[in-house]
Amino acid sequence: WLDFEFDQKDLIYVRIDRRRKFPVTILLKALGFSTEQLLENFYHIDTVKIGAEGFSRTIDIERMAGQRALSDIVDPASGDVLVKAGRRITRASIKKVKALNITEIPISREELEGKVIAKPIIDENTGEIIADANGELNGAVLDAAKSAGIEELSIIFFDGLAVGPYLRNTLLVDKVNTEEEALLEIYKRLRPGEPPTIEAATGFFQRLFFDPETYDLSEVGRLKINHRFNISFEETPVEHRTLTEKDIQSVVKTLIDLKNGQGNVDDIDHLGNRR
């Protein structure tokens, strides 16, 4: 039994078999995902270029529909402001930006500070990790990256409107770093008092949701999951009656989409949803 929920701080938690809740990112890490992979799976990653003249951000304007512009989007030829910072990006403004083939916009150092790093920033000359995934950009990091000759950074931009930092913030309170640590943490929570070995934790986790001997969605359950999350039956056939990594990720993504004001909530009172 898996229950997912937001708390009062907009962090995402999960309960297994109605036990005490814990950060959902621990469950996702137990499935084998690293912090970097989770950020890549749940967010669109933007590229920031570091040049001699300053910084620029590559943009996919179609993907930004409905988001709030974090800086002015300007016609480079005329200097006209197409979308003002803080304004919602509409279909009309998208049409203007596409007509001018704008795929990159200048961004100031001040606008970059505090933005979330999606992939580790590494000095290729020394191997030093300047900043890790899910850290925040600041002046020192930008200076170190420039000094190391790094030309591109992978960054997440939250607009607070269509893209919220919910999973990112949940990662901050999750102190687990590896798949093994996540498996042990879940085992200790659900089997308190038993010796926590990695072998016992791995076997226990598999039996919870992924072993057909101990977990059965039924064909109806698989049909409902595939339909709700647009999972093809070529990818996960109706005969597959245990959960998959994609099932769990899809639930979390849908929960986040709903929090961001996207998608529709299921009618729990509908008889078709009562199983």
C-alpha atoms as a PDB file:
ATOM      1  CA  TRP A   1       0.000   0.000   0.000  1.00  0.00           C
ATOM      2  CA  LEU A   2       1.520   3.311  -1.112  1.00  0.00           C
ATOM      3  CA  ASP A   3       0.147   6.723  -0.086  1.00  0.00           C
ATOM      4  CA  PHE A   4       1.672   9.925  -1.481  1.00  0.00           C
ATOM      5  CA  GLU A   5       1.038  13.382  -0.046  1.00  0.00           C
ATOM      6  CA  PHE A   6       2.275  16.953   0.257  1.00  0.00           C
ATOM      7  CA  ASP A   7       2.902  18.317   3.736  1.00  0.00           C
ATOM      8  CA  GLN A   8       2.328  21.901   4.908  1.00  0.00           C
ATOM      9  CA  LYS A   9       5.756  22.918   3.578  1.00  0.00           C
ATOM     10  CA  ASP A  10       4.942  21.507   0.115  1.00  0.00           C
ATOM     11  CA  LEU A  11       7.392  18.639   0.517  1.00  0.00           C
ATOM     12  CA  ILE A  12       6.388  15.263  -0.953  1.00  0.00           C
ATOM     13  CA  TYR A  13       6.089  12.273   1.368  1.00  0.00           C
ATOM     14  CA  VAL A  14       5.124   8.627   1.014  1.00  0.00           C
ATOM     15  CA  ARG A  15       3.700   6.074   3.433  1.00  0.00           C
ATOM     16  CA  ILE A  16       4.179   2.355   2.932  1.00  0.00           C
ATOM     17  CA  ASP A  17       1.405   0.228   4.443  1.00  0.00           C
ATOM     18  CA  ARG A  18       0.178   3.323   6.318  1.00  0.00           C
ATOM     19  CA  ARG A  19       3.323   3.526   8.433  1.00  0.00           C
ATOM     20  CA  ARG A  20       5.090   6.763   9.350  1.00  0.00           C
ATOM     21  CA  LYS A  21       5.703   8.947   6.307  1.00  0.00           C
ATOM     22  CA  PHE A  22       9.155   9.682   4.882  1.00  0.00           C
ATOM     23  CA  PRO A  23      10.457  11.779   1.929  1.00  0.00           C
ATOM     24  CA  VAL A  24       9.374  10.299  -1.396  1.00  0.00           C
ATOM     25  CA  THR A  25      12.894  10.785  -2.754  1.00  0.00           C
ATOM     26  CA  ILE A  26      14.098   7.992  -0.449  1.00  0.00           C
ATOM     27  CA  LEU A  27      11.686   5.621  -2.198  1.00  0.00           C
ATOM     28  CA  LEU A  28      12.856   6.859  -5.604  1.00  0.00           C
ATOM     29  CA  LYS A  29      16.508   6.416  -4.637  1.00  0.00           C
ATOM     30  CA  ALA A  30      15.734   2.870  -3.483  1.00  0.00           C
ATOM     31  CA  LEU A  31      14.605   2.273  -7.075  1.00  0.00           C
ATOM     32  CA  GLY A  32      18.125   3.182  -8.197  1.00  0.00           C
ATOM     33  CA  PHE A  33      17.820   6.864  -9.107  1.00  0.00           C
ATOM     34  CA  SER A  34      20.516   9.346  -8.102  1.00  0.00           C
ATOM     35  CA  THR A  35      19.846  12.979  -7.198  1.00  0.00           C
ATOM     36  CA  GLU A  36      21.061  14.043 -10.643  1.00  0.00           C
ATOM     37  CA  GLN A  37      18.798  11.514 -12.387  1.00  0.00           C
ATOM     38  CA  LEU A  38      15.772  12.602 -10.358  1.00  0.00           C
ATOM     39  CA  LEU A  39      16.294  16.256 -11.259  1.00  0.00           C
ATOM     40  CA  GLU A  40      16.636  15.287 -14.919  1.00  0.00           C
ATOM     41  CA  ASN A  41      13.540  13.053 -14.806  1.00  0.00           C
ATOM     42  CA  PHE A  42      11.265  15.564 -13.082  1.00  0.00           C
ATOM     43  CA  TYR A  43      12.413  18.902 -14.506  1.00  0.00           C
ATOM     44  CA  HIS A  44      13.335  20.474 -17.809  1.00  0.00           C
ATOM     45  CA  ILE A  45      17.032  21.284 -17.727  1.00  0.00           C
ATOM     46  CA  ASP A  46      18.200  24.563 -19.259  1.00  0.00           C
ATOM     47  CA  THR A  47      21.685  25.351 -20.484  1.00  0.00           C
ATOM     48  CA  VAL A  48      23.463  28.494 -19.335  1.00  0.00           C
ATOM     49  CA  LYS A  49      26.439  29.497 -21.456  1.00  0.00           C
ATOM     50  CA  ILE A  50      29.440  31.271 -19.974  1.00  0.00           C
ATOM     51  CA  GLY A  51      31.048  33.658 -22.441  1.00  0.00           C
ATOM     52  CA  ALA A  52      33.622  36.411 -22.404  1.00  0.00           C
ATOM     53  CA  GLU A  53      30.851  39.019 -22.506  1.00  0.00           C
ATOM     54  CA  GLY A  54      28.688  37.439 -19.815  1.00  0.00           C
ATOM     55  CA  PHE A  55      26.010  34.761 -19.527  1.00  0.00           C
ATOM     56  CA  SER A  56      23.171  33.571 -21.738  1.00  0.00           C
ATOM     57  CA  ARG A  57      20.362  31.053 -21.353  1.00  0.00           C
ATOM     58  CA  THR A  58      19.111  28.773 -24.107  1.00  0.00           C
ATOM     59  CA  ILE A  59      15.312  28.693 -24.290  1.00  0.00           C
ATOM     60  CA  ASP A  60      12.705  26.396 -25.809  1.00  0.00           C
ATOM     61  CA  ILE A  61       9.859  28.888 -25.979  1.00  0.00           C
ATOM     62  CA  GLU A  62       7.178  26.268 -26.783  1.00  0.00           C
ATOM     63  CA  ARG A  63       7.994  24.427 -23.575  1.00  0.00           C
ATOM     64  CA  MET A  64       7.727  27.658 -21.584  1.00  0.00           C
ATOM     65  CA  ALA A  65       4.043  28.225 -22.423  1.00  0.00           C
ATOM     66  CA  GLY A  66       2.160  29.312 -19.309  1.00  0.00           C
ATOM     67  CA  GLN A  67       5.341  29.931 -17.316  1.00  0.00           C
ATOM     68  CA  ARG A  68       6.399  33.285 -15.931  1.00  0.00           C
ATOM     69  CA  ALA A  69       9.325  34.923 -17.736  1.00  0.00           C
ATOM     70  CA  LEU A  70      12.202  35.239 -15.271  1.00  0.00           C
ATOM     71  CA  SER A  71      13.912  37.938 -17.337  1.00  0.00           C
ATOM     72  CA  ASP A  72      12.969  40.135 -20.303  1.00  0.00           C
ATOM     73  CA  ILE A  73      12.827  38.370 -23.665  1.00  0.00           C
ATOM     74  CA  VAL A  74      14.052  40.975 -26.136  1.00  0.00           C
ATOM     75  CA  ASP A  75      14.206  41.242 -29.923  1.00  0.00           C
ATOM     76  CA  PRO A  76      18.003  41.349 -30.427  1.00  0.00           C
ATOM     77  CA  ALA A  77      17.670  43.432 -33.604  1.00  0.00           C
ATOM     78  CA  SER A  78      15.295  46.174 -32.460  1.00  0.00           C
ATOM     79  CA  GLY A  79      15.663  45.966 -28.685  1.00  0.00           C
ATOM     80  CA  ASP A  80      11.878  45.689 -28.294  1.00  0.00           C
ATOM     81  CA  VAL A  81      10.772  43.748 -25.220  1.00  0.00           C
ATOM     82  CA  LEU A  82       8.625  40.813 -26.374  1.00  0.00           C
ATOM     83  CA  VAL A  83       7.908  39.422 -22.911  1.00  0.00           C
ATOM     84  CA  LYS A  84       8.548  41.410 -19.744  1.00  0.00           C
ATOM     85  CA  ALA A  85      10.131  39.742 -16.733  1.00  0.00           C
ATOM     86  CA  GLY A  86       7.437  38.467 -14.397  1.00  0.00           C
ATOM     87  CA  ARG A  87       4.767  38.197 -17.106  1.00  0.00           C
ATOM     88  CA  ARG A  88       3.158  34.922 -18.158  1.00  0.00           C
ATOM     89  CA  ILE A  89       4.353  33.569 -21.508  1.00  0.00           C
ATOM     90  CA  THR A  90       1.268  33.413 -23.745  1.00  0.00           C
ATOM     91  CA  ARG A  91       0.644  31.749 -27.108  1.00  0.00           C
ATOM     92  CA  ALA A  92       0.802  35.189 -28.744  1.00  0.00           C
ATOM     93  CA  SER A  93       4.233  35.941 -27.272  1.00  0.00           C
ATOM     94  CA  ILE A  94       5.450  32.458 -28.239  1.00  0.00           C
ATOM     95  CA  LYS A  95       4.460  33.183 -31.834  1.00  0.00           C
ATOM     96  CA  LYS A  96       6.488  36.420 -31.806  1.00  0.00           C
ATOM     97  CA  VAL A  97       9.566  34.763 -30.299  1.00  0.00           C
ATOM     98  CA  LYS A  98       9.412  31.857 -32.767  1.00  0.00           C
ATOM     99  CA  ALA A  99       9.015  34.227 -35.727  1.00  0.00           C
ATOM    100  CA  LEU A 100      12.292  35.900 -34.722  1.00  0.00           C
ATOM    101  CA  ASN A 101      13.970  32.513 -34.130  1.00  0.00           C
ATOM    102  CA  ILE A 102      15.127  33.496 -30.650  1.00  0.00           C
ATOM    103  CA  THR A 103      16.670  30.467 -28.922  1.00  0.00           C
ATOM    104  CA  GLU A 104      19.023  32.234 -26.527  1.00  0.00           C
ATOM    105  CA  ILE A 105      18.634  35.238 -24.239  1.00  0.00           C
ATOM    106  CA  PRO A 106      21.159  37.172 -22.127  1.00  0.00           C
ATOM    107  CA  ILE A 107      20.920  36.613 -18.397  1.00  0.00           C
ATOM    108  CA  SER A 108      22.650  38.614 -15.705  1.00  0.00           C
ATOM    109  CA  ARG A 109      24.868  37.279 -12.961  1.00  0.00           C
ATOM    110  CA  GLU A 110      22.351  38.515 -10.395  1.00  0.00           C
ATOM    111  CA  GLU A 111      19.531  36.587 -12.094  1.00  0.00           C
ATOM    112  CA  LEU A 112      21.593  33.385 -11.970  1.00  0.00           C
ATOM    113  CA  GLU A 113      22.358  33.543  -8.260  1.00  0.00           C
ATOM    114  CA  GLY A 114      20.164  31.161  -6.291  1.00  0.00           C
ATOM    115  CA  LYS A 115      19.218  29.057  -9.321  1.00  0.00           C
ATOM    116  CA  VAL A 116      19.398  25.278  -8.884  1.00  0.00           C
ATOM    117  CA  ILE A 117      22.261  23.264 -10.369  1.00  0.00           C
ATOM    118  CA  ALA A 118      20.994  20.198 -12.259  1.00  0.00           C
ATOM    119  CA  LYS A 119      24.310  18.457 -12.937  1.00  0.00           C
ATOM    120  CA  PRO A 120      27.584  18.583 -10.992  1.00  0.00           C
ATOM    121  CA  ILE A 121      29.933  21.376 -12.036  1.00  0.00           C
ATOM    122  CA  ILE A 122      33.345  19.748 -12.373  1.00  0.00           C
ATOM    123  CA  ASP A 123      36.763  21.234 -13.108  1.00  0.00           C
ATOM    124  CA  GLU A 124      37.938  18.847 -15.837  1.00  0.00           C
ATOM    125  CA  ASN A 125      41.569  19.847 -15.253  1.00  0.00           C
ATOM    126  CA  THR A 126      41.669  18.833 -11.594  1.00  0.00           C
ATOM    127  CA  GLY A 127      38.597  16.616 -11.178  1.00  0.00           C
ATOM    128  CA  GLU A 128      37.367  18.901  -8.402  1.00  0.00           C
ATOM    129  CA  ILE A 129      33.604  19.095  -7.937  1.00  0.00           C
ATOM    130  CA  ILE A 130      32.949  22.832  -7.813  1.00  0.00           C
ATOM    131  CA  ALA A 131      29.267  22.348  -6.994  1.00  0.00           C
ATOM    132  CA  ASP A 132      27.057  19.269  -6.792  1.00  0.00           C
ATOM    133  CA  ALA A 133      23.638  18.579  -8.293  1.00  0.00           C
ATOM    134  CA  ASN A 134      20.789  20.272  -6.399  1.00  0.00           C
ATOM    135  CA  GLY A 135      23.087  22.942  -5.006  1.00  0.00           C
ATOM    136  CA  GLU A 136      22.520  26.638  -5.699  1.00  0.00           C
ATOM    137  CA  LEU A 137      24.484  28.959  -7.924  1.00  0.00           C
ATOM    138  CA  ASN A 138      26.277  31.816  -6.224  1.00  0.00           C
ATOM    139  CA  GLY A 139      29.031  34.230  -7.091  1.00  0.00           C
ATOM    140  CA  ALA A 140      31.814  31.928  -5.902  1.00  0.00           C
ATOM    141  CA  VAL A 141      30.526  29.006  -7.996  1.00  0.00           C
ATOM    142  CA  LEU A 142      30.169  31.179 -11.105  1.00  0.00           C
ATOM    143  CA  ASP A 143      33.691  32.569 -10.640  1.00  0.00           C
ATOM    144  CA  ALA A 144      35.155  29.087 -10.119  1.00  0.00           C
ATOM    145  CA  ALA A 145      33.358  27.723 -13.188  1.00  0.00           C
ATOM    146  CA  LYS A 146      34.626  30.581 -15.323  1.00  0.00           C
ATOM    147  CA  SER A 147      38.180  30.191 -13.998  1.00  0.00           C
ATOM    148  CA  ALA A 148      38.065  26.462 -14.807  1.00  0.00           C
ATOM    149  CA  GLY A 149      37.162  27.226 -18.418  1.00  0.00           C
ATOM    150  CA  ILE A 150      33.694  25.698 -18.120  1.00  0.00           C
ATOM    151  CA  GLU A 151      31.502  26.958 -20.951  1.00  0.00           C
ATOM    152  CA  GLU A 152      28.088  25.504 -20.077  1.00  0.00           C
ATOM    153  CA  LEU A 153      26.068  24.847 -16.922  1.00  0.00           C
ATOM    154  CA  SER A 154      22.920  22.731 -16.536  1.00  0.00           C
ATOM    155  CA  ILE A 155      20.400  24.721 -14.520  1.00  0.00           C
ATOM    156  CA  ILE A 156      16.756  24.459 -13.406  1.00  0.00           C
ATOM    157  CA  PHE A 157      14.638  27.612 -13.476  1.00  0.00           C
ATOM    158  CA  PHE A 158      11.573  27.666 -11.204  1.00  0.00           C
ATOM    159  CA  ASP A 159       8.999  30.311 -12.052  1.00  0.00           C
ATOM    160  CA  GLY A 160       6.760  29.689  -9.028  1.00  0.00           C
ATOM    161  CA  LEU A 161       3.766  29.450 -11.351  1.00  0.00           C
ATOM    162  CA  ALA A 162       3.940  26.477 -13.726  1.00  0.00           C
ATOM    163  CA  VAL A 163       7.123  24.945 -12.325  1.00  0.00           C
ATOM    164  CA  GLY A 164       7.448  24.501  -8.563  1.00  0.00           C
ATOM    165  CA  PRO A 165      10.494  23.295  -6.596  1.00  0.00           C
ATOM    166  CA  TYR A 166       8.608  20.536  -4.752  1.00  0.00           C
ATOM    167  CA  LEU A 167      10.788  17.530  -5.581  1.00  0.00           C
ATOM    168  CA  ARG A 168      13.959  19.609  -5.401  1.00  0.00           C
ATOM    169  CA  ASN A 169      13.074  20.823  -1.910  1.00  0.00           C
ATOM    170  CA  THR A 170      12.181  17.287  -0.832  1.00  0.00           C
ATOM    171  CA  LEU A 171      15.675  16.190  -1.874  1.00  0.00           C
ATOM    172  CA  LEU A 172      17.096  18.806   0.499  1.00  0.00           C
ATOM    173  CA  VAL A 173      15.478  17.174   3.563  1.00  0.00           C
ATOM    174  CA  ASP A 174      16.350  13.647   2.436  1.00  0.00           C
ATOM    175  CA  LYS A 175      19.723  12.738   3.951  1.00  0.00           C
ATOM    176  CA  VAL A 176      20.101   9.503   1.956  1.00  0.00           C
ATOM    177  CA  ASN A 177      22.767   9.534  -0.772  1.00  0.00           C
ATOM    178  CA  THR A 178      22.815   6.075  -2.374  1.00  0.00           C
ATOM    179  CA  GLU A 179      20.478   3.260  -3.382  1.00  0.00           C
ATOM    180  CA  GLU A 180      21.894   1.062  -0.613  1.00  0.00           C
ATOM    181  CA  GLU A 181      21.328   3.731   2.033  1.00  0.00           C
ATOM    182  CA  ALA A 182      17.751   4.204   0.794  1.00  0.00           C
ATOM    183  CA  LEU A 183      17.008   0.468   0.955  1.00  0.00           C
ATOM    184  CA  LEU A 184      18.395   0.266   4.489  1.00  0.00           C
ATOM    185  CA  GLU A 185      16.416   3.338   5.578  1.00  0.00           C
ATOM    186  CA  ILE A 186      13.140   1.829   4.338  1.00  0.00           C
ATOM    187  CA  TYR A 187      13.938  -1.510   5.965  1.00  0.00           C
ATOM    188  CA  LYS A 188      14.693   0.124   9.318  1.00  0.00           C
ATOM    189  CA  ARG A 189      11.425   2.070   9.182  1.00  0.00           C
ATOM    190  CA  LEU A 190       9.261  -0.938   8.340  1.00  0.00           C
ATOM    191  CA  ARG A 191      11.185  -3.612  10.241  1.00  0.00           C
ATOM    192  CA  PRO A 192      12.391  -1.846  13.404  1.00  0.00           C
ATOM    193  CA  GLY A 193      14.355  -4.093  15.698  1.00  0.00           C
ATOM    194  CA  GLU A 194      15.588  -6.429  12.955  1.00  0.00           C
ATOM    195  CA  PRO A 195      19.281  -6.348  11.925  1.00  0.00           C
ATOM    196  CA  PRO A 196      19.485  -4.052   8.858  1.00  0.00           C
ATOM    197  CA  THR A 197      21.706  -5.802   6.291  1.00  0.00           C
ATOM    198  CA  ILE A 198      21.743  -4.807   2.636  1.00  0.00           C
ATOM    199  CA  GLU A 199      20.755  -8.342   1.602  1.00  0.00           C
ATOM    200  CA  ALA A 200      17.722  -8.350   3.902  1.00  0.00           C
ATOM    201  CA  ALA A 201      16.767  -4.798   2.894  1.00  0.00           C
ATOM    202  CA  THR A 202      17.003  -5.544  -0.840  1.00  0.00           C
ATOM    203  CA  GLY A 203      14.925  -8.714  -0.599  1.00  0.00           C
ATOM    204  CA  PHE A 204      12.333  -7.013   1.598  1.00  0.00           C
ATOM    205  CA  PHE A 205      11.959  -4.078  -0.811  1.00  0.00           C
ATOM    206  CA  GLN A 206      11.545  -6.375  -3.815  1.00  0.00           C
ATOM    207  CA  ARG A 207       8.847  -8.376  -2.054  1.00  0.00           C
ATOM    208  CA  LEU A 208       6.887  -5.228  -1.178  1.00  0.00           C
ATOM    209  CA  PHE A 209       5.834  -4.290  -4.704  1.00  0.00           C
ATOM    210  CA  PHE A 210       7.845  -6.166  -7.341  1.00  0.00           C
ATOM    211  CA  ASP A 211       7.465  -9.879  -6.553  1.00  0.00           C
ATOM    212  CA  PRO A 212       4.389 -11.577  -8.118  1.00  0.00           C
ATOM    213  CA  GLU A 213       4.373 -14.036  -5.221  1.00  0.00           C
ATOM    214  CA  THR A 214       3.661 -11.275  -2.712  1.00  0.00           C
ATOM    215  CA  TYR A 215       2.102  -8.420  -4.721  1.00  0.00           C
ATOM    216  CA  ASP A 216      -0.714  -8.550  -7.260  1.00  0.00           C
ATOM    217  CA  LEU A 217      -2.272  -5.516  -8.951  1.00  0.00           C
ATOM    218  CA  SER A 218      -4.678  -7.760 -10.897  1.00  0.00           C
ATOM    219  CA  GLU A 219      -5.242  -7.251 -14.621  1.00  0.00           C
ATOM    220  CA  VAL A 220      -7.834  -4.570 -13.869  1.00  0.00           C
ATOM    221  CA  GLY A 221      -5.286  -2.714 -11.743  1.00  0.00           C
ATOM    222  CA  ARG A 222      -2.710  -2.846 -14.543  1.00  0.00           C
ATOM    223  CA  LEU A 223      -5.302  -1.631 -17.050  1.00  0.00           C
ATOM    224  CA  LYS A 224      -6.173   1.325 -14.818  1.00  0.00           C
ATOM    225  CA  ILE A 225      -2.549   2.304 -14.193  1.00  0.00           C
ATOM    226  CA  ASN A 226      -1.598   2.103 -17.878  1.00  0.00           C
ATOM    227  CA  HIS A 227      -4.658   4.135 -18.849  1.00  0.00           C
ATOM    228  CA  ARG A 228      -4.171   6.802 -16.158  1.00  0.00           C
ATOM    229  CA  PHE A 229      -0.482   7.351 -16.889  1.00  0.00           C
ATOM    230  CA  ASN A 230      -0.457   6.734 -20.654  1.00  0.00           C
ATOM    231  CA  ILE A 231       1.763   3.668 -20.361  1.00  0.00           C
ATOM    232  CA  SER A 232       1.623   1.501 -23.474  1.00  0.00           C
ATOM    233  CA  PHE A 233       0.803  -2.196 -23.213  1.00  0.00           C
ATOM    234  CA  GLU A 234       3.859  -2.902 -25.368  1.00  0.00           C
ATOM    235  CA  GLU A 235       5.960  -1.380 -22.599  1.00  0.00           C
ATOM    236  CA  THR A 236       4.033  -2.928 -19.686  1.00  0.00           C
ATOM    237  CA  PRO A 237       1.588  -5.656 -20.764  1.00  0.00           C
ATOM    238  CA  VAL A 238      -1.614  -6.431 -18.885  1.00  0.00           C
ATOM    239  CA  GLU A 239      -0.003  -9.631 -17.615  1.00  0.00           C
ATOM    240  CA  HIS A 240       2.530  -7.558 -15.643  1.00  0.00           C
ATOM    241  CA  ARG A 241       0.708  -7.416 -12.322  1.00  0.00           C
ATOM    242  CA  THR A 242       3.415  -5.960 -10.077  1.00  0.00           C
ATOM    243  CA  LEU A 243       4.498  -2.323  -9.915  1.00  0.00           C
ATOM    244  CA  THR A 244       7.284  -0.893 -12.056  1.00  0.00           C
ATOM    245  CA  GLU A 245       9.699   1.986 -11.543  1.00  0.00           C
ATOM    246  CA  LYS A 246       7.744   3.928 -14.171  1.00  0.00           C
ATOM    247  CA  ASP A 247       4.448   3.367 -12.317  1.00  0.00           C
ATOM    248  CA  ILE A 248       5.848   4.942  -9.161  1.00  0.00           C
ATOM    249  CA  GLN A 249       7.557   7.798 -11.001  1.00  0.00           C
ATOM    250  CA  SER A 250       4.337   8.484 -12.915  1.00  0.00           C
ATOM    251  CA  VAL A 251       2.332   8.796  -9.700  1.00  0.00           C
ATOM    252  CA  VAL A 252       4.817  11.304  -8.279  1.00  0.00           C
ATOM    253  CA  LYS A 253       4.962  13.281 -11.540  1.00  0.00           C
ATOM    254  CA  THR A 254       1.164  13.439 -11.714  1.00  0.00           C
ATOM    255  CA  LEU A 255       0.964  14.631  -8.114  1.00  0.00           C
ATOM    256  CA  ILE A 256       3.462  17.400  -8.913  1.00  0.00           C
ATOM    257  CA  ASP A 257       1.590  18.345 -12.093  1.00  0.00           C
ATOM    258  CA  LEU A 258      -1.624  18.710 -10.097  1.00  0.00           C
ATOM    259  CA  LYS A 259       0.203  20.907  -7.586  1.00  0.00           C
ATOM    260  CA  ASN A 260       1.415  23.010 -10.525  1.00  0.00           C
ATOM    261  CA  GLY A 261      -2.181  23.387 -11.716  1.00  0.00           C
ATOM    262  CA  GLN A 262      -1.912  20.896 -14.579  1.00  0.00           C
ATOM    263  CA  GLY A 263      -4.052  17.811 -15.244  1.00  0.00           C
ATOM    264  CA  ASN A 264      -7.244  16.535 -13.620  1.00  0.00           C
ATOM    265  CA  VAL A 265      -7.903  14.937 -10.244  1.00  0.00           C
ATOM    266  CA  ASP A 266      -9.484  11.472 -10.252  1.00  0.00           C
ATOM    267  CA  ASP A 267     -13.036  11.226  -8.902  1.00  0.00           C
ATOM    268  CA  ILE A 268     -12.528   8.895  -5.933  1.00  0.00           C
ATOM    269  CA  ASP A 269     -16.280   8.474  -5.550  1.00  0.00           C
ATOM    270  CA  HIS A 270     -16.639   7.057  -9.054  1.00  0.00           C
ATOM    271  CA  LEU A 271     -17.312   3.332  -8.811  1.00  0.00           C
ATOM    272  CA  GLY A 272     -14.727   2.658 -11.517  1.00  0.00           C
ATOM    273  CA  ASN A 273     -12.006   3.993  -9.212  1.00  0.00           C
ATOM    274  CA  ARG A 274     -13.033   1.966  -6.165  1.00  0.00           C
ATOM    275  CA  ARG A 275     -10.990  -1.193  -5.873  1.00  0.00           C
END
